[in-house]
Amino acid sequence: MTSFESEASIEEKLIRQLTEGKSQWTFRDDIRSFDDLWDNFRRILVQNNKEIFDAHPLTDNEFLQVQNQLRFTSFYDAAV
């Protein structure tokens, strides 16, 4: 008889593996969607480049350009 593991169980194990012990990952319960992920990225980008963005705030159109530069057709293309 073939058994299988639920997707939720696999996700839970992966999160545990990535966040426990010696790890650079932190589980963020507040990031639940793709838009939440981009919002968090934008916040960190602005925070890490405060001197630049204090003088010239990042507009929505400029952030769309950043997003477009970070979209790749495959994982292989992203690694190049």
C-alpha atoms as a PDB file:
ATOM      1  CA  MET A   1       0.000   0.000   0.000  1.00  0.00           C
ATOM      2  CA  THR A   2       1.330   3.430  -0.957  1.00  0.00           C
ATOM      3  CA  SER A   3       1.218   6.177   1.627  1.00  0.00           C
ATOM      4  CA  PHE A   4       1.702   9.861   1.164  1.00  0.00           C
ATOM      5  CA  GLU A   5       2.395  12.892   3.306  1.00  0.00           C
ATOM      6  CA  SER A   6       0.216  15.973   3.128  1.00  0.00           C
ATOM      7  CA  GLU A   7       1.587  19.175   1.633  1.00  0.00           C
ATOM      8  CA  ALA A   8       0.940  20.994   4.922  1.00  0.00           C
ATOM      9  CA  SER A   9       3.041  18.435   6.796  1.00  0.00           C
ATOM     10  CA  ILE A  10       5.905  18.781   4.307  1.00  0.00           C
ATOM     11  CA  GLU A  11       5.757  22.597   4.554  1.00  0.00           C
ATOM     12  CA  GLU A  12       5.785  22.445   8.355  1.00  0.00           C
ATOM     13  CA  LYS A  13       8.854  20.163   8.359  1.00  0.00           C
ATOM     14  CA  LEU A  14      10.662  22.446   5.896  1.00  0.00           C
ATOM     15  CA  ILE A  15       9.939  25.547   7.989  1.00  0.00           C
ATOM     16  CA  ARG A  16      11.170  23.743  11.102  1.00  0.00           C
ATOM     17  CA  GLN A  17      14.340  22.625   9.327  1.00  0.00           C
ATOM     18  CA  LEU A  18      15.061  26.139   8.028  1.00  0.00           C
ATOM     19  CA  THR A  19      14.415  27.968  11.297  1.00  0.00           C
ATOM     20  CA  GLU A  20      15.686  25.702  14.075  1.00  0.00           C
ATOM     21  CA  GLY A  21      19.228  25.459  15.356  1.00  0.00           C
ATOM     22  CA  LYS A  22      21.973  27.347  13.570  1.00  0.00           C
ATOM     23  CA  SER A  23      20.037  29.147  10.856  1.00  0.00           C
ATOM     24  CA  GLN A  24      19.766  32.499   9.123  1.00  0.00           C
ATOM     25  CA  TRP A  25      16.029  32.025   8.523  1.00  0.00           C
ATOM     26  CA  THR A  26      13.253  33.499  10.659  1.00  0.00           C
ATOM     27  CA  PHE A  27       9.663  32.385  10.296  1.00  0.00           C
ATOM     28  CA  ARG A  28       7.436  35.412   9.638  1.00  0.00           C
ATOM     29  CA  ASP A  29       3.778  34.625  10.334  1.00  0.00           C
ATOM     30  CA  ASP A  30       2.794  38.076   9.010  1.00  0.00           C
ATOM     31  CA  ILE A  31       4.006  37.285   5.468  1.00  0.00           C
ATOM     32  CA  ARG A  32       1.197  35.268   3.931  1.00  0.00           C
ATOM     33  CA  SER A  33       1.088  36.326   0.285  1.00  0.00           C
ATOM     34  CA  PHE A  34       3.308  37.213  -2.647  1.00  0.00           C
ATOM     35  CA  ASP A  35       2.389  40.894  -2.162  1.00  0.00           C
ATOM     36  CA  ASP A  36       3.372  40.678   1.532  1.00  0.00           C
ATOM     37  CA  LEU A  37       6.740  39.291   0.456  1.00  0.00           C
ATOM     38  CA  TRP A  38       7.338  42.166  -2.000  1.00  0.00           C
ATOM     39  CA  ASP A  39       6.219  44.725   0.629  1.00  0.00           C
ATOM     40  CA  ASN A  40       8.718  43.270   3.086  1.00  0.00           C
ATOM     41  CA  PHE A  41      11.462  43.328   0.451  1.00  0.00           C
ATOM     42  CA  ARG A  42      10.707  46.977  -0.336  1.00  0.00           C
ATOM     43  CA  ARG A  43      10.797  47.915   3.352  1.00  0.00           C
ATOM     44  CA  ILE A  44      14.195  46.225   3.790  1.00  0.00           C
ATOM     45  CA  LEU A  45      15.541  47.774   0.564  1.00  0.00           C
ATOM     46  CA  VAL A  46      14.587  51.261   1.721  1.00  0.00           C
ATOM     47  CA  GLN A  47      15.852  50.617   5.257  1.00  0.00           C
ATOM     48  CA  ASN A  48      19.246  49.373   4.022  1.00  0.00           C
ATOM     49  CA  ASN A  49      19.627  52.342   1.653  1.00  0.00           C
ATOM     50  CA  LYS A  50      18.264  55.031   3.931  1.00  0.00           C
ATOM     51  CA  GLU A  51      20.754  57.722   2.892  1.00  0.00           C
ATOM     52  CA  ILE A  52      19.754  57.409  -0.764  1.00  0.00           C
ATOM     53  CA  PHE A  53      16.016  57.142  -0.213  1.00  0.00           C
ATOM     54  CA  ASP A  54      15.879  59.977   2.327  1.00  0.00           C
ATOM     55  CA  ALA A  55      17.038  62.301  -0.447  1.00  0.00           C
ATOM     56  CA  HIS A  56      14.889  60.652  -3.134  1.00  0.00           C
ATOM     57  CA  PRO A  57      12.035  58.398  -1.923  1.00  0.00           C
ATOM     58  CA  LEU A  58      11.465  55.216  -3.920  1.00  0.00           C
ATOM     59  CA  THR A  59       8.375  55.656  -6.099  1.00  0.00           C
ATOM     60  CA  ASP A  60       5.987  52.852  -6.999  1.00  0.00           C
ATOM     61  CA  ASN A  61       7.155  52.969 -10.626  1.00  0.00           C
ATOM     62  CA  GLU A  62      10.800  52.710  -9.561  1.00  0.00           C
ATOM     63  CA  PHE A  63       9.978  49.736  -7.359  1.00  0.00           C
ATOM     64  CA  LEU A  64       8.200  48.077 -10.288  1.00  0.00           C
ATOM     65  CA  GLN A  65      11.452  48.430 -12.219  1.00  0.00           C
ATOM     66  CA  VAL A  66      13.309  46.732  -9.352  1.00  0.00           C
ATOM     67  CA  GLN A  67      10.740  43.919  -9.349  1.00  0.00           C
ATOM     68  CA  ASN A  68      11.092  43.469 -13.105  1.00  0.00           C
ATOM     69  CA  GLN A  69      14.864  43.161 -12.761  1.00  0.00           C
ATOM     70  CA  LEU A  70      14.368  40.400 -10.168  1.00  0.00           C
ATOM     71  CA  ARG A  71      11.881  38.293 -12.163  1.00  0.00           C
ATOM     72  CA  PHE A  72      13.471  35.346 -13.929  1.00  0.00           C
ATOM     73  CA  THR A  73      12.003  32.652 -16.155  1.00  0.00           C
ATOM     74  CA  SER A  74      13.752  29.908 -14.187  1.00  0.00           C
ATOM     75  CA  PHE A  75      15.886  29.265 -11.130  1.00  0.00           C
ATOM     76  CA  TYR A  76      18.802  28.654 -13.475  1.00  0.00           C
ATOM     77  CA  ASP A  77      18.478  32.103 -15.047  1.00  0.00           C
ATOM     78  CA  ALA A  78      18.327  33.689 -11.590  1.00  0.00           C
ATOM     79  CA  ALA A  79      21.601  32.013 -10.587  1.00  0.00           C
ATOM     80  CA  VAL A  80      23.603  33.412 -13.498  1.00  0.00           C
END
